Protein backbone atom coordinates (compact mmCIF):
# COMPACT_ATOMS: atom_id res chain seq x y z
CA MET A 1 -21.73 -16.80 -0.49
CA LYS A 2 -21.32 -20.40 0.62
CA HIS A 3 -17.53 -20.09 0.23
CA ASN A 4 -17.43 -16.99 2.47
CA THR A 5 -19.63 -18.66 5.11
CA ASN A 6 -17.37 -21.68 5.21
CA GLY A 7 -14.29 -19.45 5.55
CA ILE A 8 -15.82 -17.56 8.46
CA ALA A 9 -16.80 -20.81 10.18
CA ILE A 10 -13.30 -22.24 9.81
CA LEU A 11 -11.74 -19.05 11.13
CA ALA A 12 -14.14 -18.95 14.09
CA LEU A 13 -13.14 -22.52 14.98
CA GLY A 14 -9.48 -21.52 14.85
CA VAL A 15 -10.16 -18.60 17.19
CA LEU A 16 -11.96 -20.87 19.64
CA LEU A 17 -9.13 -23.40 19.66
CA GLY A 18 -6.64 -20.56 20.13
CA VAL A 19 -8.57 -19.23 23.11
CA LEU A 20 -8.65 -22.67 24.72
CA ALA A 21 -4.94 -23.21 24.18
CA SER A 22 -3.62 -19.76 25.02
CA ALA A 23 -1.73 -18.95 28.19
CA SER A 24 -0.39 -15.42 28.23
CA ALA A 25 2.64 -14.06 30.05
CA ASP A 26 2.76 -10.33 29.35
CA LYS A 27 5.66 -8.07 30.26
CA ILE A 28 6.29 -4.35 30.63
CA THR A 29 9.86 -3.07 30.39
CA LYS A 30 10.11 0.30 32.07
CA THR A 31 12.36 3.17 31.06
CA ASP A 32 14.55 2.48 34.10
CA GLY A 33 15.12 -1.09 32.87
CA LYS A 34 12.86 -2.76 35.44
CA GLU A 35 10.66 -5.57 34.08
CA LEU A 36 7.15 -6.37 35.31
CA THR A 37 5.56 -9.68 34.30
CA GLY A 38 1.95 -10.73 34.75
CA VAL A 39 -0.97 -12.59 33.26
CA ARG A 40 -2.20 -9.60 31.23
CA ILE A 41 -1.66 -5.90 30.55
CA LYS A 42 -4.48 -3.37 30.30
CA TRP A 43 -4.46 0.16 28.88
CA PHE A 44 -6.51 2.92 30.51
CA GLU A 45 -7.02 5.80 28.10
CA THR A 46 -8.36 8.39 30.55
CA ARG A 47 -5.53 7.80 33.04
CA ARG A 48 -2.88 7.45 30.35
CA GLU A 49 -1.47 4.45 32.13
CA TYR A 50 -0.96 0.72 31.78
CA GLN A 51 -1.80 -1.78 34.50
CA ILE A 52 -0.29 -5.24 34.70
CA GLU A 53 -2.23 -7.93 36.50
CA ALA A 54 -0.32 -10.38 38.69
CA ALA A 55 -1.27 -14.04 39.16
CA ASP A 56 -2.98 -13.20 42.48
CA GLY A 57 -5.23 -10.64 40.77
CA SER A 58 -3.45 -7.54 42.07
CA MET A 59 -2.87 -4.69 39.60
CA VAL A 60 0.33 -2.65 39.27
CA PRO A 61 -0.13 0.72 37.52
CA VAL A 62 2.59 2.04 35.21
CA PRO A 63 2.29 5.58 33.76
CA GLU A 64 2.58 5.76 29.99
CA ASP A 65 5.77 7.84 30.07
CA GLU A 66 7.51 5.18 32.20
CA VAL A 67 6.95 2.40 29.64
CA ASP A 68 9.80 1.59 27.29
CA GLU A 69 8.50 -1.63 25.73
CA LEU A 70 5.52 -3.97 25.84
CA ASP A 71 5.59 -7.71 25.31
CA VAL A 72 1.99 -8.84 24.87
CA ALA A 73 0.97 -12.40 24.04
CA LYS A 74 -0.35 -12.87 20.51
CA PRO A 75 -4.15 -12.69 20.41
CA ALA A 76 -6.07 -15.86 19.65
CA GLY A 77 -7.17 -15.83 16.03
CA PHE A 78 -4.49 -13.48 14.75
CA ASP A 79 -2.55 -16.10 12.81
CA GLN A 80 -5.75 -17.56 11.37
CA ALA A 81 -6.86 -14.10 10.24
CA ALA A 82 -3.46 -13.49 8.64
CA GLN A 83 -3.76 -16.80 6.81
CA ALA A 84 -7.27 -15.88 5.67
CA CYS A 85 -5.92 -12.59 4.28
CA ALA A 86 -3.16 -14.45 2.43
CA ALA A 87 -5.82 -16.76 0.97
CA LYS A 88 -7.88 -13.70 -0.05
CA GLN A 89 -10.69 -14.74 2.33
CA TYR A 90 -11.10 -11.13 3.37
CA ASP A 91 -14.67 -11.36 4.66
CA ALA A 92 -13.58 -14.08 7.08
CA ALA A 93 -10.55 -12.13 8.33
CA ILE A 94 -12.04 -8.65 8.72
CA PRO A 95 -14.34 -9.16 11.76
CA VAL A 96 -11.61 -11.01 13.68
CA LEU A 97 -9.06 -8.29 12.95
CA GLU A 98 -11.48 -5.52 13.88
CA ASP A 99 -12.12 -7.25 17.21
CA ILE A 100 -8.39 -7.59 17.90
CA ALA A 101 -7.73 -3.96 16.93
CA ASN A 102 -10.40 -2.74 19.35
CA ARG A 103 -9.55 -5.04 22.27
CA TYR A 104 -5.78 -4.55 22.01
CA LYS A 105 -5.69 -0.78 21.67
CA ARG A 106 -2.23 0.51 22.61
CA LEU A 107 -1.16 -3.10 23.28
CA THR A 108 1.01 -3.66 20.18
CA TRP A 109 -1.39 -5.96 18.37
CA ASP A 110 -3.82 -3.20 17.45
CA GLY A 111 -1.27 -1.85 14.98
CA LYS A 112 -0.54 -5.26 13.49
CA ALA A 113 -4.25 -6.01 13.20
CA ARG A 114 -4.92 -2.68 11.50
CA GLU A 115 -2.13 -3.30 9.00
CA LEU A 116 -3.80 -6.57 8.04
CA LEU A 117 -7.22 -4.90 8.01
CA ALA A 118 -5.92 -2.35 5.52
CA THR A 119 -4.47 -5.18 3.43
CA ALA A 120 -7.86 -6.90 3.44
CA TYR A 121 -9.61 -3.72 2.36
CA PHE A 122 -6.97 -3.21 -0.35
CA GLY A 123 -7.95 -6.64 -1.62
CA LYS A 124 -11.60 -5.59 -1.68
CA LYS A 125 -10.67 -2.30 -3.41
CA ASP A 126 -12.24 -0.41 -0.51
CA PHE A 127 -9.54 2.18 0.09
CA ASN A 128 -11.72 4.43 2.22
CA LYS A 129 -12.16 1.66 4.80
CA ALA A 130 -8.42 1.00 4.61
CA VAL A 131 -7.85 4.67 5.47
CA SER A 132 -10.32 4.41 8.34
CA ALA A 133 -8.59 1.30 9.69
CA MET A 134 -5.22 3.02 9.76
CA SER A 135 -6.41 6.48 10.85
CA GLU A 136 -7.38 5.22 14.30
CA LEU A 137 -3.83 3.98 14.77
CA MET A 138 -2.10 7.03 13.30
CA ASP A 139 -4.19 9.53 15.26
CA ASN A 140 -4.07 7.82 18.66
CA THR A 141 -0.58 6.36 18.89
CA PRO A 142 2.55 8.29 19.92
CA LYS A 143 4.52 9.09 16.79
CA ASP A 144 7.65 7.30 18.00
CA GLN A 145 5.64 4.07 18.32
CA ILE A 146 4.36 4.04 14.74
CA THR A 147 6.52 1.86 12.50
CA ASP A 148 7.77 2.86 9.06
CA GLN A 149 5.70 0.04 7.58
CA GLN A 150 2.55 1.40 9.22
CA HIS A 151 3.24 4.81 7.70
CA VAL A 152 3.59 3.21 4.26
CA VAL A 153 0.35 1.24 4.63
CA TYR A 154 -1.46 4.45 5.63
CA TRP A 155 0.03 6.40 2.73
CA THR A 156 -0.91 3.64 0.28
CA ALA A 157 -4.48 3.72 1.58
CA LEU A 158 -4.63 7.50 1.21
CA MET A 159 -3.35 7.30 -2.36
CA GLY A 160 -5.86 4.60 -3.24
CA ALA A 161 -8.67 6.69 -1.73
CA GLN A 162 -7.41 9.72 -3.68
CA LYS A 163 -7.01 11.75 -0.50
CA THR A 164 -4.05 13.58 -1.99
CA ALA A 165 -4.15 16.65 0.25
CA ILE A 166 -3.82 14.55 3.40
CA LEU A 167 -1.19 12.35 1.75
CA LYS A 168 0.93 15.33 0.71
CA LYS A 169 0.87 16.69 4.26
CA CYS A 170 1.89 13.29 5.67
CA LEU A 171 4.77 13.01 3.21
CA ASN A 172 5.96 16.56 3.90
CA ASP A 173 5.89 15.84 7.64
CA ALA A 174 7.95 12.69 7.09
CA LEU A 175 10.47 14.56 4.94
CA ALA A 176 10.81 17.28 7.57
CA GLY A 177 11.31 14.76 10.38
CA SER A 178 14.49 13.25 11.75
CA SER A 179 14.04 9.69 10.48
CA LYS A 180 16.09 9.09 7.33
CA THR A 181 14.49 5.70 6.72
CA LEU A 182 11.00 7.23 6.80
CA ALA A 183 12.14 10.10 4.58
CA ALA A 184 13.37 7.65 1.95
CA LEU A 185 10.02 5.90 1.96
CA ALA A 186 8.27 9.27 1.69
CA TYR A 187 10.33 10.16 -1.39
CA ILE A 188 9.35 6.84 -2.98
CA GLN A 189 5.67 7.36 -2.14
CA ARG A 190 5.79 10.92 -3.50
CA GLY A 191 7.42 9.55 -6.62
CA ASP A 192 4.62 7.00 -6.99
CA MET A 193 2.07 9.78 -6.63
CA ALA A 194 3.79 11.95 -9.25
CA ARG A 195 4.10 8.98 -11.58
CA GLY A 196 0.38 8.27 -11.23
CA GLU A 197 -0.30 11.86 -12.22
CA GLY A 198 1.86 11.52 -15.32
CA LYS A 199 4.64 13.74 -13.89
CA ARG A 200 7.49 11.44 -14.83
CA ASP A 201 10.30 13.96 -14.36
CA GLU A 202 9.15 14.78 -10.81
CA ALA A 203 8.75 11.09 -10.03
CA LEU A 204 12.24 10.30 -11.31
CA LEU A 205 13.77 13.03 -9.15
CA ASP A 206 12.04 11.75 -6.03
CA TYR A 207 13.14 8.15 -6.65
CA LEU A 208 16.72 9.37 -7.02
CA ARG A 209 16.41 11.55 -3.91
CA ALA A 210 15.46 8.44 -1.95
CA VAL A 211 18.92 7.11 -2.79
CA LEU A 212 21.09 10.22 -2.90
CA VAL A 213 19.63 12.25 -0.04
CA THR A 214 19.00 9.37 2.35
CA ASP A 215 22.14 7.28 2.05
CA GLU A 216 21.50 5.77 5.49
CA ALA A 217 18.24 4.18 4.33
CA ARG A 218 19.81 1.41 2.28
CA GLU A 219 16.85 -0.94 2.56
CA SER A 220 14.75 1.44 0.46
CA HIS A 221 17.35 1.99 -2.26
CA PRO A 222 16.64 -1.09 -4.44
CA GLU A 223 12.95 -0.19 -4.78
CA ALA A 224 13.79 3.42 -5.61
CA LEU A 225 16.41 2.43 -8.18
CA VAL A 226 14.16 -0.11 -9.89
CA LYS A 227 11.30 2.38 -10.11
CA ALA A 228 13.68 5.01 -11.47
CA ALA A 229 14.89 2.50 -14.07
CA GLN A 230 11.31 1.80 -15.11
CA LEU A 231 10.72 5.49 -15.69
CA LEU A 232 13.92 5.79 -17.70
CA ASP A 233 12.71 2.88 -19.82
CA GLU A 234 9.52 4.82 -20.53
CA LEU A 235 11.66 7.81 -21.50
CA ARG A 236 13.85 5.56 -23.69
CA ASP A 237 16.87 6.56 -21.64
CA PRO A 238 19.65 3.91 -21.78
CA ARG A 239 20.82 4.80 -18.27
CA ALA A 240 18.05 2.53 -17.00
CA ASP A 241 20.40 -0.43 -17.44
CA ASP A 242 23.01 1.29 -15.26
CA LEU A 243 20.52 1.60 -12.42
CA ARG A 244 19.53 -2.05 -12.67
CA LYS A 245 23.18 -3.08 -12.63
CA ARG A 246 23.66 -0.97 -9.52
CA VAL A 247 20.85 -2.86 -7.79
CA MET A 248 22.44 -6.20 -8.76
CA THR A 249 25.93 -5.25 -7.60
CA MET A 250 25.25 -3.09 -4.52
CA TYR A 251 22.14 -4.82 -3.16
CA PRO A 252 22.53 -8.45 -4.30
CA ASP A 253 20.53 -9.85 -1.37
CA SER A 254 17.46 -7.67 -1.98
CA ALA A 255 14.22 -9.05 -3.37
CA TYR A 256 14.54 -6.58 -6.25
CA ALA A 257 17.96 -7.93 -7.20
CA ARG A 258 16.67 -11.50 -7.13
CA LYS A 259 13.75 -10.52 -9.33
CA LEU A 260 16.05 -8.77 -11.80
CA ALA A 261 18.30 -11.85 -11.85
CA GLY A 262 15.30 -13.97 -12.80
CA GLN A 263 14.54 -11.66 -15.73
CA MET A 264 18.05 -11.80 -17.15
């Protein structure tokens, strides 16, 4: 308990110092290319609009559908919370991240904070809270603003919480969508789910689909190939070596290739 209290105190001090040192310069880029810069951006849910505050205190409203991109200053305490997560000081990081997620709703940092929140809850083996952290983001953010990584974090939370019905629907939606990169990740996640259920043949097919069906999603291929090779090892299929060689030759700069190189 003393360790957790010390971690929270240190993180609180970092937040305070960040608040004292911060000086924001937020920017909205509109769909017509015009840029609006001010001291802060606010989101108004009921009006479905952003407002950017100028240095003189005046507010300029911008309807949601006219916003192309937001550039919002990093919240005080975010880096310290990320460092606390990396150090497995989850109890210190969680309240700071929850505060950021709530205060920065629809202001970019809510999604990043919720990703870290889910990571913290993964570390505590509390997958239901990880699902809750991500559900707020997934349910209340336009689909084109949700990153592939955020989808994966949400799916991982659902699998850990054994919410398979919801997970299957999410994966089917991703596979039916237009994004090839997201589809590749969905095949890998579905393969992981099948593998966890002992359905090795189904898992193998999905890992291979991630490569063969989604050729455009090259970043996902090394993971899919390595996982397929692992399954072939379990099946005592010598073609596993061919898949590992493919990772080494076709994706030499990937983390998976570097890891394989270290094992050889």
